[in-house]
Amino acid sequence: MEWLTHDRYLDSAAADALRVVQLAEGADMDARVPSCPDWALRDLLFHHGMVFRWIGEIVARRATERVPFREVPDREMPAGGEADWLLAGAERTVATLREAGPDVALWGWARGGGTRWWGRRIAHETLVHRVDAELTVGARPEADPGLAADNVDELLVNALDLGATAFDKRAALSGAGDSLHLHTTDTPGEWQLLPAEEGFSLDYGHVKADAAVRGTARDVMLWLNGRLPEGEAGPERFGEERVLELWRGGLSLG
């Protein structure tokens, strides 16, 4: 699947970070995050603000090895200033990535890294956490179809990399024996996932599978990321629930 442009990813990250900040202002910092039940809203903001700062430090250093979190500056999120702290980190990192451009070689935890990869990663990290914030305050998540389909592809392509340790449940897919087809109906997007001896293989196009998920890009993206709002039917699902949940669980980011 063809990637979006570097600037499109960064524009999306900036807009979604601002949306998170707007949702957080005046909200209860102790409110539970339905999609991450171990987190309160405060924890979501801290995690997201730290990820922004960590990526910004990787880019600023032109790091070719992983930067430890303990070396990331400005790690203290002030009580009462959580939203401003998140926004400052987001703006700094987006500006750093934009200035660097898409062609700088850098360490990354999958697919060889680089600024282009990190631009795509931060766009989708922010999209998913914007959804988390919306679910926390009871707002209905929306998503641009092209970006939502790209979110699905980004997750799958990263999960293909057996060196990507962020997928700590992926081993469950090895030799699973059942295939999965994903299909977005409002923008081009079809993915065929086949179990392999290690992990899985990925192909594009329409092929019959043991189980399938079909719907708008927004609905498929929310289902795959475990972010469907309570009470929403979500995309159409075909096949055994066991197979669907095996794939969704195995592809979840740890």
C-alpha atoms as a PDB file:
ATOM      1  CA  MET A   1       0.000   0.000   0.000  1.00  0.00           C
ATOM      2  CA  GLU A   2       1.358   3.417  -0.928  1.00  0.00           C
ATOM      3  CA  TRP A   3       2.225   5.584   2.062  1.00  0.00           C
ATOM      4  CA  LEU A   4       0.855   9.079   2.574  1.00  0.00           C
ATOM      5  CA  THR A   5       3.271  12.005   2.435  1.00  0.00           C
ATOM      6  CA  HIS A   6       5.546  12.939   5.329  1.00  0.00           C
ATOM      7  CA  ASP A   7       3.758  16.280   5.721  1.00  0.00           C
ATOM      8  CA  ARG A   8       0.342  14.591   5.726  1.00  0.00           C
ATOM      9  CA  TYR A   9       1.415  12.357   8.593  1.00  0.00           C
ATOM     10  CA  LEU A  10       2.798  15.284  10.563  1.00  0.00           C
ATOM     11  CA  ASP A  11      -0.277  17.431   9.923  1.00  0.00           C
ATOM     12  CA  SER A  12      -2.422  14.577  11.223  1.00  0.00           C
ATOM     13  CA  ALA A  13      -0.272  14.107  14.330  1.00  0.00           C
ATOM     14  CA  ALA A  14      -0.415  17.831  15.100  1.00  0.00           C
ATOM     15  CA  ALA A  15      -4.195  18.023  14.636  1.00  0.00           C
ATOM     16  CA  ASP A  16      -4.893  14.911  16.701  1.00  0.00           C
ATOM     17  CA  ALA A  17      -2.562  16.021  19.504  1.00  0.00           C
ATOM     18  CA  LEU A  18      -4.411  19.338  19.653  1.00  0.00           C
ATOM     19  CA  ARG A  19      -7.711  17.446  19.779  1.00  0.00           C
ATOM     20  CA  VAL A  20      -6.442  15.386  22.739  1.00  0.00           C
ATOM     21  CA  VAL A  21      -5.448  18.585  24.518  1.00  0.00           C
ATOM     22  CA  GLN A  22      -8.859  20.153  23.901  1.00  0.00           C
ATOM     23  CA  LEU A  23     -10.607  17.045  25.222  1.00  0.00           C
ATOM     24  CA  ALA A  24      -8.377  16.966  28.303  1.00  0.00           C
ATOM     25  CA  GLU A  25      -8.851  20.597  29.288  1.00  0.00           C
ATOM     26  CA  GLY A  26     -11.331  20.649  32.145  1.00  0.00           C
ATOM     27  CA  ALA A  27     -11.741  16.857  32.110  1.00  0.00           C
ATOM     28  CA  ASP A  28     -11.362  14.628  35.160  1.00  0.00           C
ATOM     29  CA  MET A  29      -7.747  13.423  35.179  1.00  0.00           C
ATOM     30  CA  ASP A  30      -8.838  10.379  37.200  1.00  0.00           C
ATOM     31  CA  ALA A  31     -11.400   9.274  34.592  1.00  0.00           C
ATOM     32  CA  ARG A  32     -10.736   5.720  33.415  1.00  0.00           C
ATOM     33  CA  VAL A  33      -9.779   5.133  29.780  1.00  0.00           C
ATOM     34  CA  PRO A  34     -12.236   2.452  28.535  1.00  0.00           C
ATOM     35  CA  SER A  35      -9.861   1.140  25.861  1.00  0.00           C
ATOM     36  CA  CYS A  36      -6.920   1.000  28.320  1.00  0.00           C
ATOM     37  CA  PRO A  37      -8.644   0.132  31.617  1.00  0.00           C
ATOM     38  CA  ASP A  38      -5.423   0.223  33.642  1.00  0.00           C
ATOM     39  CA  TRP A  39      -5.023   3.910  32.760  1.00  0.00           C
ATOM     40  CA  ALA A  40      -6.651   7.080  33.987  1.00  0.00           C
ATOM     41  CA  LEU A  41      -6.760  10.053  31.623  1.00  0.00           C
ATOM     42  CA  ARG A  42      -3.669  11.408  33.393  1.00  0.00           C
ATOM     43  CA  ASP A  43      -1.757   8.220  32.486  1.00  0.00           C
ATOM     44  CA  LEU A  44      -2.810   8.499  28.849  1.00  0.00           C
ATOM     45  CA  LEU A  45      -1.533  12.074  28.642  1.00  0.00           C
ATOM     46  CA  PHE A  46       1.757  11.153  30.313  1.00  0.00           C
ATOM     47  CA  HIS A  47       2.344   8.159  28.046  1.00  0.00           C
ATOM     48  CA  HIS A  48       1.556  10.125  24.914  1.00  0.00           C
ATOM     49  CA  GLY A  49       3.621  13.124  25.966  1.00  0.00           C
ATOM     50  CA  MET A  50       6.594  10.883  26.720  1.00  0.00           C
ATOM     51  CA  VAL A  51       6.331   9.096  23.371  1.00  0.00           C
ATOM     52  CA  PHE A  52       6.365  12.449  21.585  1.00  0.00           C
ATOM     53  CA  ARG A  53       9.439  13.555  23.542  1.00  0.00           C
ATOM     54  CA  TRP A  54      11.200  10.228  23.002  1.00  0.00           C
ATOM     55  CA  ILE A  55      10.681  10.352  19.238  1.00  0.00           C
ATOM     56  CA  GLY A  56      11.744  13.994  19.177  1.00  0.00           C
ATOM     57  CA  GLU A  57      14.970  13.100  20.973  1.00  0.00           C
ATOM     58  CA  ILE A  58      15.696  10.249  18.547  1.00  0.00           C
ATOM     59  CA  VAL A  59      15.275  12.620  15.604  1.00  0.00           C
ATOM     60  CA  ALA A  60      17.170  15.527  17.179  1.00  0.00           C
ATOM     61  CA  ARG A  61      20.157  13.276  17.958  1.00  0.00           C
ATOM     62  CA  ARG A  62      19.985  11.533  14.569  1.00  0.00           C
ATOM     63  CA  ALA A  63      20.203   8.434  16.755  1.00  0.00           C
ATOM     64  CA  THR A  64      21.172   5.147  15.140  1.00  0.00           C
ATOM     65  CA  GLU A  65      20.555   3.220  18.377  1.00  0.00           C
ATOM     66  CA  ARG A  66      17.615   3.211  20.770  1.00  0.00           C
ATOM     67  CA  VAL A  67      17.518   6.234  23.099  1.00  0.00           C
ATOM     68  CA  PRO A  68      16.735   5.189  26.706  1.00  0.00           C
ATOM     69  CA  PHE A  69      13.679   6.887  28.180  1.00  0.00           C
ATOM     70  CA  ARG A  70      15.783   8.083  31.124  1.00  0.00           C
ATOM     71  CA  GLU A  71      17.740  10.300  28.712  1.00  0.00           C
ATOM     72  CA  VAL A  72      14.644  12.057  27.368  1.00  0.00           C
ATOM     73  CA  PRO A  73      14.436  15.661  28.637  1.00  0.00           C
ATOM     74  CA  ASP A  74      11.388  17.330  30.206  1.00  0.00           C
ATOM     75  CA  ARG A  75       9.948  14.099  31.620  1.00  0.00           C
ATOM     76  CA  GLU A  76       8.027  15.660  34.506  1.00  0.00           C
ATOM     77  CA  MET A  77       4.347  16.284  33.743  1.00  0.00           C
ATOM     78  CA  PRO A  78       3.109  19.041  36.082  1.00  0.00           C
ATOM     79  CA  ALA A  79      -0.118  18.522  38.004  1.00  0.00           C
ATOM     80  CA  GLY A  80      -2.682  20.906  36.596  1.00  0.00           C
ATOM     81  CA  GLY A  81      -0.610  21.474  33.463  1.00  0.00           C
ATOM     82  CA  GLU A  82      -0.972  18.056  31.847  1.00  0.00           C
ATOM     83  CA  ALA A  83      -2.547  19.273  28.605  1.00  0.00           C
ATOM     84  CA  ASP A  84      -0.005  22.058  28.063  1.00  0.00           C
ATOM     85  CA  TRP A  85       2.864  19.640  28.741  1.00  0.00           C
ATOM     86  CA  LEU A  86       1.542  17.193  26.154  1.00  0.00           C
ATOM     87  CA  LEU A  87       1.032  19.924  23.569  1.00  0.00           C
ATOM     88  CA  ALA A  88       4.545  21.316  24.056  1.00  0.00           C
ATOM     89  CA  GLY A  89       6.082  17.899  23.403  1.00  0.00           C
ATOM     90  CA  ALA A  90       3.870  17.277  20.384  1.00  0.00           C
ATOM     91  CA  GLU A  91       4.620  20.632  18.769  1.00  0.00           C
ATOM     92  CA  ARG A  92       8.360  20.259  19.330  1.00  0.00           C
ATOM     93  CA  THR A  93       8.513  16.759  17.874  1.00  0.00           C
ATOM     94  CA  VAL A  94       6.346  17.538  14.850  1.00  0.00           C
ATOM     95  CA  ALA A  95       8.542  20.563  14.097  1.00  0.00           C
ATOM     96  CA  THR A  96      11.714  18.475  14.498  1.00  0.00           C
ATOM     97  CA  LEU A  97      10.432  15.780  12.135  1.00  0.00           C
ATOM     98  CA  ARG A  98       9.241  18.364   9.623  1.00  0.00           C
ATOM     99  CA  GLU A  99      12.596  20.144   9.621  1.00  0.00           C
ATOM    100  CA  ALA A 100      14.477  16.849   9.233  1.00  0.00           C
ATOM    101  CA  GLY A 101      12.405  15.743   6.233  1.00  0.00           C
ATOM    102  CA  PRO A 102      11.498  12.163   5.295  1.00  0.00           C
ATOM    103  CA  ASP A 103      14.894  10.807   4.232  1.00  0.00           C
ATOM    104  CA  VAL A 104      17.065  10.767   7.367  1.00  0.00           C
ATOM    105  CA  ALA A 105      18.302   7.352   8.521  1.00  0.00           C
ATOM    106  CA  LEU A 106      17.497   6.728  12.202  1.00  0.00           C
ATOM    107  CA  TRP A 107      16.961   3.885  14.632  1.00  0.00           C
ATOM    108  CA  GLY A 108      13.391   2.601  14.763  1.00  0.00           C
ATOM    109  CA  TRP A 109      11.816  -0.407  16.415  1.00  0.00           C
ATOM    110  CA  ALA A 110      10.567  -1.849  13.092  1.00  0.00           C
ATOM    111  CA  ARG A 111      11.126  -1.744   9.332  1.00  0.00           C
ATOM    112  CA  GLY A 112      14.514  -0.046   9.559  1.00  0.00           C
ATOM    113  CA  GLY A 113      13.270   3.168  11.147  1.00  0.00           C
ATOM    114  CA  GLY A 114      14.105   6.547   9.575  1.00  0.00           C
ATOM    115  CA  THR A 115      12.252   9.854   9.700  1.00  0.00           C
ATOM    116  CA  ARG A 116       9.680   8.724   7.140  1.00  0.00           C
ATOM    117  CA  TRP A 117       8.851   5.683   9.262  1.00  0.00           C
ATOM    118  CA  TRP A 118       8.705   7.763  12.458  1.00  0.00           C
ATOM    119  CA  GLY A 119       6.413  10.311  10.785  1.00  0.00           C
ATOM    120  CA  ARG A 120       3.983   7.546   9.896  1.00  0.00           C
ATOM    121  CA  ARG A 121       4.323   5.973  13.349  1.00  0.00           C
ATOM    122  CA  ILE A 122       3.617   9.175  15.299  1.00  0.00           C
ATOM    123  CA  ALA A 123       0.589   9.934  13.105  1.00  0.00           C
ATOM    124  CA  HIS A 124      -0.989   6.608  13.992  1.00  0.00           C
ATOM    125  CA  GLU A 125       0.147   6.617  17.614  1.00  0.00           C
ATOM    126  CA  THR A 126      -1.614   9.964  17.948  1.00  0.00           C
ATOM    127  CA  LEU A 127      -4.702   8.860  16.020  1.00  0.00           C
ATOM    128  CA  VAL A 128      -5.221   5.882  18.336  1.00  0.00           C
ATOM    129  CA  HIS A 129      -4.637   7.920  21.500  1.00  0.00           C
ATOM    130  CA  ARG A 130      -6.966  10.650  20.246  1.00  0.00           C
ATOM    131  CA  VAL A 131      -9.598   7.906  20.017  1.00  0.00           C
ATOM    132  CA  ASP A 132      -8.694   6.840  23.578  1.00  0.00           C
ATOM    133  CA  ALA A 133      -9.274  10.388  24.800  1.00  0.00           C
ATOM    134  CA  GLU A 134     -12.594  10.633  22.943  1.00  0.00           C
ATOM    135  CA  LEU A 135     -13.804   7.357  24.421  1.00  0.00           C
ATOM    136  CA  THR A 136     -12.808   8.587  27.878  1.00  0.00           C
ATOM    137  CA  VAL A 137     -14.966  11.711  27.666  1.00  0.00           C
ATOM    138  CA  GLY A 138     -17.827  10.046  25.761  1.00  0.00           C
ATOM    139  CA  ALA A 139     -17.192  11.589  22.331  1.00  0.00           C
ATOM    140  CA  ARG A 140     -17.721   9.548  19.156  1.00  0.00           C
ATOM    141  CA  PRO A 141     -14.406   8.908  17.353  1.00  0.00           C
ATOM    142  CA  GLU A 142     -14.203   9.778  13.671  1.00  0.00           C
ATOM    143  CA  ALA A 143     -11.365   9.220  11.214  1.00  0.00           C
ATOM    144  CA  ASP A 144     -10.482  10.239   7.680  1.00  0.00           C
ATOM    145  CA  PRO A 145     -10.940   7.088   5.533  1.00  0.00           C
ATOM    146  CA  GLY A 146      -7.533   7.351   3.864  1.00  0.00           C
ATOM    147  CA  LEU A 147      -5.740   7.806   7.167  1.00  0.00           C
ATOM    148  CA  ALA A 148      -7.744   5.030   8.839  1.00  0.00           C
ATOM    149  CA  ALA A 149      -6.869   2.570   6.056  1.00  0.00           C
ATOM    150  CA  ASP A 150      -3.229   3.620   6.332  1.00  0.00           C
ATOM    151  CA  ASN A 151      -3.434   2.944  10.079  1.00  0.00           C
ATOM    152  CA  VAL A 152      -4.466  -0.646   9.350  1.00  0.00           C
ATOM    153  CA  ASP A 153      -1.621  -1.055   6.870  1.00  0.00           C
ATOM    154  CA  GLU A 154       0.968   0.502   9.186  1.00  0.00           C
ATOM    155  CA  LEU A 155       0.089  -1.862  11.999  1.00  0.00           C
ATOM    156  CA  LEU A 156       0.204  -4.931   9.741  1.00  0.00           C
ATOM    157  CA  VAL A 157       3.451  -3.989   8.006  1.00  0.00           C
ATOM    158  CA  ASN A 158       5.184  -3.301  11.321  1.00  0.00           C
ATOM    159  CA  ALA A 159       3.895  -6.581  12.757  1.00  0.00           C
ATOM    160  CA  LEU A 160       5.474  -8.463   9.829  1.00  0.00           C
ATOM    161  CA  ASP A 161       8.907  -7.497  11.175  1.00  0.00           C
ATOM    162  CA  LEU A 162       9.806 -10.330  13.540  1.00  0.00           C
ATOM    163  CA  GLY A 163      12.317  -8.027  15.217  1.00  0.00           C
ATOM    164  CA  ALA A 164       9.545  -5.630  16.269  1.00  0.00           C
ATOM    165  CA  THR A 165       9.232  -6.502  19.956  1.00  0.00           C
ATOM    166  CA  ALA A 166       6.232  -4.186  20.440  1.00  0.00           C
ATOM    167  CA  PHE A 167       4.005  -7.067  19.290  1.00  0.00           C
ATOM    168  CA  ASP A 168       4.405  -9.202  22.390  1.00  0.00           C
ATOM    169  CA  LYS A 169       1.417 -11.478  21.608  1.00  0.00           C
ATOM    170  CA  ARG A 170       2.297 -12.155  17.965  1.00  0.00           C
ATOM    171  CA  ALA A 171       3.671 -15.630  18.737  1.00  0.00           C
ATOM    172  CA  ALA A 172       0.058 -16.827  19.075  1.00  0.00           C
ATOM    173  CA  LEU A 173      -0.321 -16.385  15.299  1.00  0.00           C
ATOM    174  CA  SER A 174       2.508 -18.759  14.366  1.00  0.00           C
ATOM    175  CA  GLY A 175       1.053 -21.877  12.802  1.00  0.00           C
ATOM    176  CA  ALA A 176      -2.477 -20.790  13.750  1.00  0.00           C
ATOM    177  CA  GLY A 177      -3.868 -22.360  10.575  1.00  0.00           C
ATOM    178  CA  ASP A 178      -6.658 -19.840   9.914  1.00  0.00           C
ATOM    179  CA  SER A 179      -6.482 -16.886   7.519  1.00  0.00           C
ATOM    180  CA  LEU A 180      -8.047 -13.430   7.855  1.00  0.00           C
ATOM    181  CA  HIS A 181      -9.229 -10.958   5.223  1.00  0.00           C
ATOM    182  CA  LEU A 182      -9.693  -7.246   5.978  1.00  0.00           C
ATOM    183  CA  HIS A 183     -11.628  -5.027   3.568  1.00  0.00           C
ATOM    184  CA  THR A 184     -12.393  -1.299   3.750  1.00  0.00           C
ATOM    185  CA  THR A 185     -15.479  -0.278   1.793  1.00  0.00           C
ATOM    186  CA  ASP A 186     -15.151   3.519   1.587  1.00  0.00           C
ATOM    187  CA  THR A 187     -11.539   3.705   0.392  1.00  0.00           C
ATOM    188  CA  PRO A 188      -9.277   1.142  -1.319  1.00  0.00           C
ATOM    189  CA  GLY A 189      -7.917  -1.375   1.145  1.00  0.00           C
ATOM    190  CA  GLU A 190      -7.821  -5.184   1.184  1.00  0.00           C
ATOM    191  CA  TRP A 191      -5.381  -7.273   3.190  1.00  0.00           C
ATOM    192  CA  GLN A 192      -4.975 -11.045   3.284  1.00  0.00           C
ATOM    193  CA  LEU A 193      -3.272 -12.412   6.411  1.00  0.00           C
ATOM    194  CA  LEU A 194      -1.970 -15.968   6.341  1.00  0.00           C
ATOM    195  CA  PRO A 195      -0.378 -17.794   9.286  1.00  0.00           C
ATOM    196  CA  ALA A 196       3.261 -18.754   8.854  1.00  0.00           C
ATOM    197  CA  GLU A 197       5.768 -20.855  10.761  1.00  0.00           C
ATOM    198  CA  GLU A 198       6.849 -17.619  12.439  1.00  0.00           C
ATOM    199  CA  GLY A 199       4.356 -14.774  12.581  1.00  0.00           C
ATOM    200  CA  PHE A 200       2.284 -14.390   9.422  1.00  0.00           C
ATOM    201  CA  SER A 201       2.439 -13.345   5.780  1.00  0.00           C
ATOM    202  CA  LEU A 202       0.623 -10.401   4.220  1.00  0.00           C
ATOM    203  CA  ASP A 203      -0.808  -9.989   0.743  1.00  0.00           C
ATOM    204  CA  TYR A 204      -3.088  -7.428  -0.873  1.00  0.00           C
ATOM    205  CA  GLY A 205      -6.258  -8.008  -2.853  1.00  0.00           C
ATOM    206  CA  HIS A 206      -9.504  -9.922  -2.583  1.00  0.00           C
ATOM    207  CA  VAL A 207      -9.040 -13.556  -1.560  1.00  0.00           C
ATOM    208  CA  LYS A 208     -11.443 -15.799   0.336  1.00  0.00           C
ATOM    209  CA  ALA A 209     -10.282 -16.440   3.908  1.00  0.00           C
ATOM    210  CA  ASP A 210     -11.371 -18.410   6.966  1.00  0.00           C
ATOM    211  CA  ALA A 211     -12.571 -15.197   8.610  1.00  0.00           C
ATOM    212  CA  ALA A 212     -13.164 -11.667   7.363  1.00  0.00           C
ATOM    213  CA  VAL A 213     -13.795  -8.132   8.587  1.00  0.00           C
ATOM    214  CA  ARG A 214     -15.538  -5.709   6.218  1.00  0.00           C
ATOM    215  CA  GLY A 215     -16.646  -2.126   6.766  1.00  0.00           C
ATOM    216  CA  THR A 216     -15.670   1.504   6.568  1.00  0.00           C
ATOM    217  CA  ALA A 217     -11.993   2.233   7.121  1.00  0.00           C
ATOM    218  CA  ARG A 218     -12.897   3.917  10.390  1.00  0.00           C
ATOM    219  CA  ASP A 219     -14.739   0.842  11.660  1.00  0.00           C
ATOM    220  CA  VAL A 220     -12.078  -1.650  10.532  1.00  0.00           C
ATOM    221  CA  MET A 221      -9.357   0.501  12.113  1.00  0.00           C
ATOM    222  CA  LEU A 222     -11.230   0.804  15.407  1.00  0.00           C
ATOM    223  CA  TRP A 223     -11.968  -2.934  15.494  1.00  0.00           C
ATOM    224  CA  LEU A 224      -8.372  -3.921  14.752  1.00  0.00           C
ATOM    225  CA  ASN A 225      -7.032  -1.559  17.424  1.00  0.00           C
ATOM    226  CA  GLY A 226      -9.597  -2.662  20.017  1.00  0.00           C
ATOM    227  CA  ARG A 227     -11.170   0.816  20.125  1.00  0.00           C
ATOM    228  CA  LEU A 228     -14.791   0.290  19.072  1.00  0.00           C
ATOM    229  CA  PRO A 229     -17.064   2.426  21.273  1.00  0.00           C
ATOM    230  CA  GLU A 230     -19.275   0.448  23.624  1.00  0.00           C
ATOM    231  CA  GLY A 231     -22.581  -0.357  21.957  1.00  0.00           C
ATOM    232  CA  GLU A 232     -21.331   0.102  18.373  1.00  0.00           C
ATOM    233  CA  ALA A 233     -21.712  -2.903  16.105  1.00  0.00           C
ATOM    234  CA  GLY A 234     -18.596  -1.993  14.153  1.00  0.00           C
ATOM    235  CA  PRO A 235     -17.634  -3.643  10.865  1.00  0.00           C
ATOM    236  CA  GLU A 236     -19.229  -6.817   9.551  1.00  0.00           C
ATOM    237  CA  ARG A 237     -17.444  -9.922  10.794  1.00  0.00           C
ATOM    238  CA  PHE A 238     -17.549 -13.329   9.135  1.00  0.00           C
ATOM    239  CA  GLY A 239     -16.211 -16.615  10.443  1.00  0.00           C
ATOM    240  CA  GLU A 240     -15.538 -17.932  13.913  1.00  0.00           C
ATOM    241  CA  GLU A 241     -15.139 -15.396  16.695  1.00  0.00           C
ATOM    242  CA  ARG A 242     -12.194 -17.464  17.925  1.00  0.00           C
ATOM    243  CA  VAL A 243     -10.302 -16.803  14.679  1.00  0.00           C
ATOM    244  CA  LEU A 244     -11.144 -13.101  14.659  1.00  0.00           C
ATOM    245  CA  GLU A 245      -9.994 -12.627  18.246  1.00  0.00           C
ATOM    246  CA  LEU A 246      -6.842 -14.685  17.689  1.00  0.00           C
ATOM    247  CA  TRP A 247      -5.747 -12.316  14.931  1.00  0.00           C
ATOM    248  CA  ARG A 248      -6.795  -9.136  16.708  1.00  0.00           C
ATOM    249  CA  GLY A 249      -5.072 -10.188  19.915  1.00  0.00           C
ATOM    250  CA  GLY A 250      -1.909 -11.330  18.154  1.00  0.00           C
ATOM    251  CA  LEU A 251      -1.612  -8.027  16.292  1.00  0.00           C
ATOM    252  CA  SER A 252      -2.124  -5.810  19.334  1.00  0.00           C
ATOM    253  CA  LEU A 253       0.676  -3.455  20.310  1.00  0.00           C
ATOM    254  CA  GLY A 254       2.063  -4.182  23.768  1.00  0.00           C
END
